[in-house]
């Protein structure tokens, strides 16, 4: 079956297609890793010739990130002195990648990651905690033609709806007939952070543009396209 659209990778998926096989022989032969193939197969299924549906995975972690995104942007802008910035809504696409960064400032693209709790907040990391995010930033710098980028983690108060949901879940776990004020207050205290100093609620990892990385990504996209033609 001939696909009408050429394969292009989302910036958020670059890290997945750039993973290498574990077997050295497979690496030498230019084979694609299973992680890469999983991403490619998902892309194929989303095309009009197949199921024409985007895969949307939602969890309480992504839900909080989406619900707190605007608050996170305002918090980061104030903390780092970016001025009055708003969520970027302009998607960029070139011949082999597509993406939509969170924030555009004169010399940089910035991406916001909202930690669900202090347990997942990378307070003591000196480098980007997840390799794939580095590839994502390189993609954004290429698309928006910026020399620098930043990955900003924030620790924001959970929305009231999420607090209520968590408190109700604990109420059922404790086999209570109704919500007790003490239980709700306990959950609310665990899921809010406005009494914590700002420097313990925000962390930025800076990354400079590296055109060699983009060359590698372009080559990998070509390999993915050849694989798709071979199916």
C-alpha atoms as a PDB file:
ATOM      1  CA  UNK A   1       0.000   0.000   0.000  1.00  0.00           C
ATOM      2  CA  UNK A   2       1.382   3.405  -1.004  1.00  0.00           C
ATOM      3  CA  UNK A   3       1.151   6.055   1.717  1.00  0.00           C
ATOM      4  CA  UNK A   4       0.180   9.580   0.686  1.00  0.00           C
ATOM      5  CA  UNK A   5       2.317  11.220   3.390  1.00  0.00           C
ATOM      6  CA  UNK A   6       6.079  10.781   3.814  1.00  0.00           C
ATOM      7  CA  UNK A   7       7.237   9.749   7.264  1.00  0.00           C
ATOM      8  CA  UNK A   8       8.222  12.665   9.503  1.00  0.00           C
ATOM      9  CA  UNK A   9       9.012  12.442  13.200  1.00  0.00           C
ATOM     10  CA  UNK A  10       7.586  14.581  15.976  1.00  0.00           C
ATOM     11  CA  UNK A  11      10.252  16.306  18.036  1.00  0.00           C
ATOM     12  CA  UNK A  12       8.886  14.488  21.077  1.00  0.00           C
ATOM     13  CA  UNK A  13       9.532  11.190  19.278  1.00  0.00           C
ATOM     14  CA  UNK A  14      13.072  11.831  18.019  1.00  0.00           C
ATOM     15  CA  UNK A  15      14.573  10.108  21.045  1.00  0.00           C
ATOM     16  CA  UNK A  16      12.574   6.975  20.222  1.00  0.00           C
ATOM     17  CA  UNK A  17      13.699   6.675  16.609  1.00  0.00           C
ATOM     18  CA  UNK A  18      17.307   7.460  17.577  1.00  0.00           C
ATOM     19  CA  UNK A  19      17.659   4.489  19.931  1.00  0.00           C
ATOM     20  CA  UNK A  20      20.009   1.786  18.644  1.00  0.00           C
ATOM     21  CA  UNK A  21      19.541  -1.997  18.768  1.00  0.00           C
ATOM     22  CA  UNK A  22      21.136  -3.766  21.720  1.00  0.00           C
ATOM     23  CA  UNK A  23      22.874  -6.276  19.459  1.00  0.00           C
ATOM     24  CA  UNK A  24      26.179  -4.958  18.033  1.00  0.00           C
ATOM     25  CA  UNK A  25      25.633  -6.937  14.839  1.00  0.00           C
ATOM     26  CA  UNK A  26      22.285  -5.241  14.291  1.00  0.00           C
ATOM     27  CA  UNK A  27      23.879  -1.849  14.920  1.00  0.00           C
ATOM     28  CA  UNK A  28      26.586  -2.548  12.360  1.00  0.00           C
ATOM     29  CA  UNK A  29      24.017  -3.693   9.787  1.00  0.00           C
ATOM     30  CA  UNK A  30      21.965  -0.530  10.163  1.00  0.00           C
ATOM     31  CA  UNK A  31      18.880  -2.227  11.583  1.00  0.00           C
ATOM     32  CA  UNK A  32      16.343  -0.192  13.478  1.00  0.00           C
ATOM     33  CA  UNK A  33      15.748  -0.786  17.172  1.00  0.00           C
ATOM     34  CA  UNK A  34      12.468  -2.184  18.451  1.00  0.00           C
ATOM     35  CA  UNK A  35      11.742   1.159  20.120  1.00  0.00           C
ATOM     36  CA  UNK A  36      12.179   2.891  16.764  1.00  0.00           C
ATOM     37  CA  UNK A  37      10.017   0.331  14.978  1.00  0.00           C
ATOM     38  CA  UNK A  38       7.263   0.713  17.565  1.00  0.00           C
ATOM     39  CA  UNK A  39       7.174   4.460  16.891  1.00  0.00           C
ATOM     40  CA  UNK A  40       7.167   3.927  13.111  1.00  0.00           C
ATOM     41  CA  UNK A  41       4.401   1.324  13.288  1.00  0.00           C
ATOM     42  CA  UNK A  42       2.290   3.695  15.386  1.00  0.00           C
ATOM     43  CA  UNK A  43       2.854   6.460  12.825  1.00  0.00           C
ATOM     44  CA  UNK A  44       1.790   4.186   9.967  1.00  0.00           C
ATOM     45  CA  UNK A  45      -1.416   3.209  11.766  1.00  0.00           C
ATOM     46  CA  UNK A  46      -2.277   6.892  12.252  1.00  0.00           C
ATOM     47  CA  UNK A  47      -2.233   7.535   8.497  1.00  0.00           C
ATOM     48  CA  UNK A  48      -5.451   7.949   6.418  1.00  0.00           C
ATOM     49  CA  UNK A  49      -4.765   4.724   4.518  1.00  0.00           C
ATOM     50  CA  UNK A  50      -4.906   2.771   7.785  1.00  0.00           C
ATOM     51  CA  UNK A  51      -6.820   3.706  10.956  1.00  0.00           C
ATOM     52  CA  UNK A  52      -6.394   7.500  10.740  1.00  0.00           C
ATOM     53  CA  UNK A  53      -6.319   7.922  14.513  1.00  0.00           C
ATOM     54  CA  UNK A  54      -3.773   9.613  16.737  1.00  0.00           C
ATOM     55  CA  UNK A  55      -2.611   7.703  19.782  1.00  0.00           C
ATOM     56  CA  UNK A  56      -3.485   9.669  22.911  1.00  0.00           C
ATOM     57  CA  UNK A  57      -2.069   8.316  26.154  1.00  0.00           C
ATOM     58  CA  UNK A  58      -3.365  10.011  29.278  1.00  0.00           C
ATOM     59  CA  UNK A  59      -2.312   9.478  32.855  1.00  0.00           C
ATOM     60  CA  UNK A  60      -2.553  11.527  36.025  1.00  0.00           C
ATOM     61  CA  UNK A  61       0.973  12.773  35.261  1.00  0.00           C
ATOM     62  CA  UNK A  62       0.178  14.060  31.772  1.00  0.00           C
ATOM     63  CA  UNK A  63      -3.174  15.356  33.010  1.00  0.00           C
ATOM     64  CA  UNK A  64      -1.535  17.555  35.634  1.00  0.00           C
ATOM     65  CA  UNK A  65       1.017  18.754  33.101  1.00  0.00           C
ATOM     66  CA  UNK A  66      -1.709  19.813  30.681  1.00  0.00           C
ATOM     67  CA  UNK A  67      -3.874  21.445  33.327  1.00  0.00           C
ATOM     68  CA  UNK A  68      -0.984  23.372  34.923  1.00  0.00           C
ATOM     69  CA  UNK A  69       0.836  24.351  31.731  1.00  0.00           C
ATOM     70  CA  UNK A  70      -0.200  28.025  31.657  1.00  0.00           C
ATOM     71  CA  UNK A  71       0.561  28.473  35.365  1.00  0.00           C
ATOM     72  CA  UNK A  72       3.956  26.832  34.813  1.00  0.00           C
ATOM     73  CA  UNK A  73       4.752  29.173  31.933  1.00  0.00           C
ATOM     74  CA  UNK A  74       3.884  32.246  33.986  1.00  0.00           C
ATOM     75  CA  UNK A  75       5.909  30.953  36.924  1.00  0.00           C
ATOM     76  CA  UNK A  76       8.970  30.258  34.750  1.00  0.00           C
ATOM     77  CA  UNK A  77       8.682  33.589  32.938  1.00  0.00           C
ATOM     78  CA  UNK A  78       8.631  35.484  36.229  1.00  0.00           C
ATOM     79  CA  UNK A  79      11.447  33.457  37.789  1.00  0.00           C
ATOM     80  CA  UNK A  80      13.795  33.750  34.783  1.00  0.00           C
ATOM     81  CA  UNK A  81      12.784  37.291  33.789  1.00  0.00           C
ATOM     82  CA  UNK A  82      11.426  36.448  30.341  1.00  0.00           C
ATOM     83  CA  UNK A  83       8.785  39.142  30.503  1.00  0.00           C
ATOM     84  CA  UNK A  84       5.216  38.670  29.338  1.00  0.00           C
ATOM     85  CA  UNK A  85       5.431  35.406  27.388  1.00  0.00           C
ATOM     86  CA  UNK A  86       2.563  33.188  26.333  1.00  0.00           C
ATOM     87  CA  UNK A  87       2.208  29.591  25.253  1.00  0.00           C
ATOM     88  CA  UNK A  88       3.487  29.156  21.703  1.00  0.00           C
ATOM     89  CA  UNK A  89       0.827  27.815  19.323  1.00  0.00           C
ATOM     90  CA  UNK A  90       2.769  27.866  16.049  1.00  0.00           C
ATOM     91  CA  UNK A  91       3.752  24.400  14.846  1.00  0.00           C
ATOM     92  CA  UNK A  92       6.812  24.158  12.600  1.00  0.00           C
ATOM     93  CA  UNK A  93       7.518  21.420  10.074  1.00  0.00           C
ATOM     94  CA  UNK A  94      10.407  20.707   7.723  1.00  0.00           C
ATOM     95  CA  UNK A  95      11.212  17.777   5.446  1.00  0.00           C
ATOM     96  CA  UNK A  96      11.738  15.268   8.252  1.00  0.00           C
ATOM     97  CA  UNK A  97      10.413  16.588  11.571  1.00  0.00           C
ATOM     98  CA  UNK A  98       7.565  18.545  13.106  1.00  0.00           C
ATOM     99  CA  UNK A  99       7.110  20.155  16.496  1.00  0.00           C
ATOM    100  CA  UNK A 100       5.546  22.856  18.639  1.00  0.00           C
ATOM    101  CA  UNK A 101       7.680  24.209  21.465  1.00  0.00           C
ATOM    102  CA  UNK A 102       6.094  25.692  24.581  1.00  0.00           C
ATOM    103  CA  UNK A 103       7.863  29.065  24.770  1.00  0.00           C
ATOM    104  CA  UNK A 104       9.711  31.247  22.259  1.00  0.00           C
ATOM    105  CA  UNK A 105      12.071  33.964  23.493  1.00  0.00           C
ATOM    106  CA  UNK A 106      14.586  35.914  21.364  1.00  0.00           C
ATOM    107  CA  UNK A 107      17.578  33.546  21.630  1.00  0.00           C
ATOM    108  CA  UNK A 108      15.953  30.362  22.855  1.00  0.00           C
ATOM    109  CA  UNK A 109      13.168  27.810  22.704  1.00  0.00           C
ATOM    110  CA  UNK A 110      11.928  26.593  26.067  1.00  0.00           C
ATOM    111  CA  UNK A 111       9.979  23.479  26.914  1.00  0.00           C
ATOM    112  CA  UNK A 112       7.985  23.056  30.127  1.00  0.00           C
ATOM    113  CA  UNK A 113       7.737  19.804  32.068  1.00  0.00           C
ATOM    114  CA  UNK A 114       5.445  19.837  35.084  1.00  0.00           C
ATOM    115  CA  UNK A 115       6.504  17.327  37.733  1.00  0.00           C
ATOM    116  CA  UNK A 116       3.642  15.468  39.356  1.00  0.00           C
ATOM    117  CA  UNK A 117       5.248  15.632  42.808  1.00  0.00           C
ATOM    118  CA  UNK A 118       8.550  16.309  44.549  1.00  0.00           C
ATOM    119  CA  UNK A 119       9.373  12.608  44.065  1.00  0.00           C
ATOM    120  CA  UNK A 120       9.670  13.131  40.293  1.00  0.00           C
ATOM    121  CA  UNK A 121      11.145  16.642  40.433  1.00  0.00           C
ATOM    122  CA  UNK A 122      14.832  16.484  39.260  1.00  0.00           C
ATOM    123  CA  UNK A 123      16.199  18.734  41.996  1.00  0.00           C
ATOM    124  CA  UNK A 124      19.673  17.182  42.176  1.00  0.00           C
ATOM    125  CA  UNK A 125      20.253  16.426  38.487  1.00  0.00           C
ATOM    126  CA  UNK A 126      23.000  18.325  36.689  1.00  0.00           C
ATOM    127  CA  UNK A 127      22.027  17.138  33.209  1.00  0.00           C
ATOM    128  CA  UNK A 128      18.734  16.479  31.421  1.00  0.00           C
ATOM    129  CA  UNK A 129      17.298  13.459  33.262  1.00  0.00           C
ATOM    130  CA  UNK A 130      15.845  11.756  30.154  1.00  0.00           C
ATOM    131  CA  UNK A 131      17.939  11.435  26.969  1.00  0.00           C
ATOM    132  CA  UNK A 132      14.952  11.801  24.667  1.00  0.00           C
ATOM    133  CA  UNK A 133      14.281  15.324  25.883  1.00  0.00           C
ATOM    134  CA  UNK A 134      17.671  16.428  24.599  1.00  0.00           C
ATOM    135  CA  UNK A 135      16.755  15.241  21.117  1.00  0.00           C
ATOM    136  CA  UNK A 136      13.417  17.011  21.443  1.00  0.00           C
ATOM    137  CA  UNK A 137      15.154  20.311  22.205  1.00  0.00           C
ATOM    138  CA  UNK A 138      17.546  19.870  19.269  1.00  0.00           C
ATOM    139  CA  UNK A 139      14.524  19.410  17.037  1.00  0.00           C
ATOM    140  CA  UNK A 140      12.905  22.582  18.332  1.00  0.00           C
ATOM    141  CA  UNK A 141      16.104  24.598  17.840  1.00  0.00           C
ATOM    142  CA  UNK A 142      16.286  23.389  14.243  1.00  0.00           C
ATOM    143  CA  UNK A 143      12.655  24.152  13.460  1.00  0.00           C
ATOM    144  CA  UNK A 144      12.586  27.586  15.103  1.00  0.00           C
ATOM    145  CA  UNK A 145      16.184  28.461  14.169  1.00  0.00           C
ATOM    146  CA  UNK A 146      17.343  29.248  17.694  1.00  0.00           C
ATOM    147  CA  UNK A 147      20.909  28.825  19.021  1.00  0.00           C
ATOM    148  CA  UNK A 148      19.873  27.805  22.531  1.00  0.00           C
ATOM    149  CA  UNK A 149      17.144  25.934  24.342  1.00  0.00           C
ATOM    150  CA  UNK A 150      16.006  25.094  27.826  1.00  0.00           C
ATOM    151  CA  UNK A 151      14.085  22.306  29.506  1.00  0.00           C
ATOM    152  CA  UNK A 152      12.256  23.736  32.507  1.00  0.00           C
ATOM    153  CA  UNK A 153      10.793  21.543  35.236  1.00  0.00           C
ATOM    154  CA  UNK A 154       8.259  23.137  37.560  1.00  0.00           C
ATOM    155  CA  UNK A 155       6.478  21.928  40.672  1.00  0.00           C
ATOM    156  CA  UNK A 156       3.025  23.474  40.727  1.00  0.00           C
ATOM    157  CA  UNK A 157      -0.072  23.089  42.864  1.00  0.00           C
ATOM    158  CA  UNK A 158      -2.362  20.351  41.604  1.00  0.00           C
ATOM    159  CA  UNK A 159      -5.720  21.653  40.328  1.00  0.00           C
ATOM    160  CA  UNK A 160      -8.606  21.362  42.760  1.00  0.00           C
ATOM    161  CA  UNK A 161     -10.278  18.679  40.624  1.00  0.00           C
ATOM    162  CA  UNK A 162      -7.208  16.455  40.925  1.00  0.00           C
ATOM    163  CA  UNK A 163      -7.026  16.994  44.671  1.00  0.00           C
ATOM    164  CA  UNK A 164     -10.689  16.071  45.012  1.00  0.00           C
ATOM    165  CA  UNK A 165     -10.192  12.947  42.898  1.00  0.00           C
ATOM    166  CA  UNK A 166      -7.194  11.796  44.945  1.00  0.00           C
ATOM    167  CA  UNK A 167      -8.974  12.509  48.238  1.00  0.00           C
ATOM    168  CA  UNK A 168     -12.005  10.533  47.093  1.00  0.00           C
ATOM    169  CA  UNK A 169      -9.812   7.616  46.014  1.00  0.00           C
ATOM    170  CA  UNK A 170      -8.257   7.499  49.484  1.00  0.00           C
ATOM    171  CA  UNK A 171     -11.697   7.721  51.054  1.00  0.00           C
ATOM    172  CA  UNK A 172     -12.684   4.538  49.213  1.00  0.00           C
ATOM    173  CA  UNK A 173      -9.412   2.847  50.144  1.00  0.00           C
ATOM    174  CA  UNK A 174     -10.101   3.597  53.817  1.00  0.00           C
ATOM    175  CA  UNK A 175     -13.691   2.357  53.434  1.00  0.00           C
ATOM    176  CA  UNK A 176     -15.151   5.653  54.630  1.00  0.00           C
ATOM    177  CA  UNK A 177     -18.753   6.566  53.938  1.00  0.00           C
ATOM    178  CA  UNK A 178     -18.066  10.262  53.461  1.00  0.00           C
ATOM    179  CA  UNK A 179     -15.169  12.636  53.029  1.00  0.00           C
ATOM    180  CA  UNK A 180     -13.553  13.721  56.282  1.00  0.00           C
ATOM    181  CA  UNK A 181     -12.111  17.235  56.473  1.00  0.00           C
ATOM    182  CA  UNK A 182      -8.834  15.970  57.909  1.00  0.00           C
ATOM    183  CA  UNK A 183      -8.366  13.538  55.011  1.00  0.00           C
ATOM    184  CA  UNK A 184      -9.013  16.220  52.413  1.00  0.00           C
ATOM    185  CA  UNK A 185      -6.651  18.649  54.141  1.00  0.00           C
ATOM    186  CA  UNK A 186      -3.955  15.962  54.240  1.00  0.00           C
ATOM    187  CA  UNK A 187      -4.239  15.283  50.506  1.00  0.00           C
ATOM    188  CA  UNK A 188      -4.346  18.990  49.683  1.00  0.00           C
ATOM    189  CA  UNK A 189      -1.156  19.588  51.693  1.00  0.00           C
ATOM    190  CA  UNK A 190       0.609  16.792  49.802  1.00  0.00           C
ATOM    191  CA  UNK A 191      -0.399  18.113  46.379  1.00  0.00           C
ATOM    192  CA  UNK A 192       0.238  21.854  46.814  1.00  0.00           C
ATOM    193  CA  UNK A 193       3.593  23.641  46.874  1.00  0.00           C
ATOM    194  CA  UNK A 194       2.994  27.385  47.221  1.00  0.00           C
ATOM    195  CA  UNK A 195       4.580  27.407  50.689  1.00  0.00           C
ATOM    196  CA  UNK A 196       7.833  25.990  49.278  1.00  0.00           C
ATOM    197  CA  UNK A 197      10.596  28.441  48.192  1.00  0.00           C
ATOM    198  CA  UNK A 198      10.628  29.090  44.447  1.00  0.00           C
ATOM    199  CA  UNK A 199      14.168  27.761  44.017  1.00  0.00           C
ATOM    200  CA  UNK A 200      12.937  24.329  45.142  1.00  0.00           C
ATOM    201  CA  UNK A 201      10.079  24.378  42.634  1.00  0.00           C
ATOM    202  CA  UNK A 202      11.840  25.151  39.363  1.00  0.00           C
ATOM    203  CA  UNK A 203      14.859  23.730  37.532  1.00  0.00           C
ATOM    204  CA  UNK A 204      16.173  24.575  34.056  1.00  0.00           C
ATOM    205  CA  UNK A 205      18.540  22.532  31.903  1.00  0.00           C
ATOM    206  CA  UNK A 206      20.162  24.533  29.094  1.00  0.00           C
ATOM    207  CA  UNK A 207      21.263  23.007  25.785  1.00  0.00           C
ATOM    208  CA  UNK A 208      23.078  24.531  22.789  1.00  0.00           C
ATOM    209  CA  UNK A 209      22.244  23.750  19.185  1.00  0.00           C
ATOM    210  CA  UNK A 210      24.222  20.910  17.599  1.00  0.00           C
ATOM    211  CA  UNK A 211      23.752  20.566  13.853  1.00  0.00           C
ATOM    212  CA  UNK A 212      25.486  17.176  13.797  1.00  0.00           C
ATOM    213  CA  UNK A 213      22.642  15.772  15.885  1.00  0.00           C
ATOM    214  CA  UNK A 214      20.148  16.991  13.289  1.00  0.00           C
ATOM    215  CA  UNK A 215      22.171  15.315  10.532  1.00  0.00           C
ATOM    216  CA  UNK A 216      21.925  12.034  12.441  1.00  0.00           C
ATOM    217  CA  UNK A 217      18.175  12.534  12.868  1.00  0.00           C
ATOM    218  CA  UNK A 218      17.754  13.212   9.148  1.00  0.00           C
ATOM    219  CA  UNK A 219      19.669  10.028   8.322  1.00  0.00           C
ATOM    220  CA  UNK A 220      17.520   8.003  10.733  1.00  0.00           C
ATOM    221  CA  UNK A 221      14.319   9.373   9.204  1.00  0.00           C
ATOM    222  CA  UNK A 222      15.606   8.230   5.797  1.00  0.00           C
ATOM    223  CA  UNK A 223      16.183   4.732   7.221  1.00  0.00           C
ATOM    224  CA  UNK A 224      12.660   4.721   8.626  1.00  0.00           C
ATOM    225  CA  UNK A 225      11.255   5.681   5.242  1.00  0.00           C
ATOM    226  CA  UNK A 226      13.154   2.873   3.552  1.00  0.00           C
ATOM    227  CA  UNK A 227      11.830   0.450   6.135  1.00  0.00           C
ATOM    228  CA  UNK A 228       8.270   1.636   5.489  1.00  0.00           C
ATOM    229  CA  UNK A 229       8.713   1.073   1.736  1.00  0.00           C
ATOM    230  CA  UNK A 230       9.972  -2.442   2.442  1.00  0.00           C
ATOM    231  CA  UNK A 231       6.797  -3.497   4.267  1.00  0.00           C
END
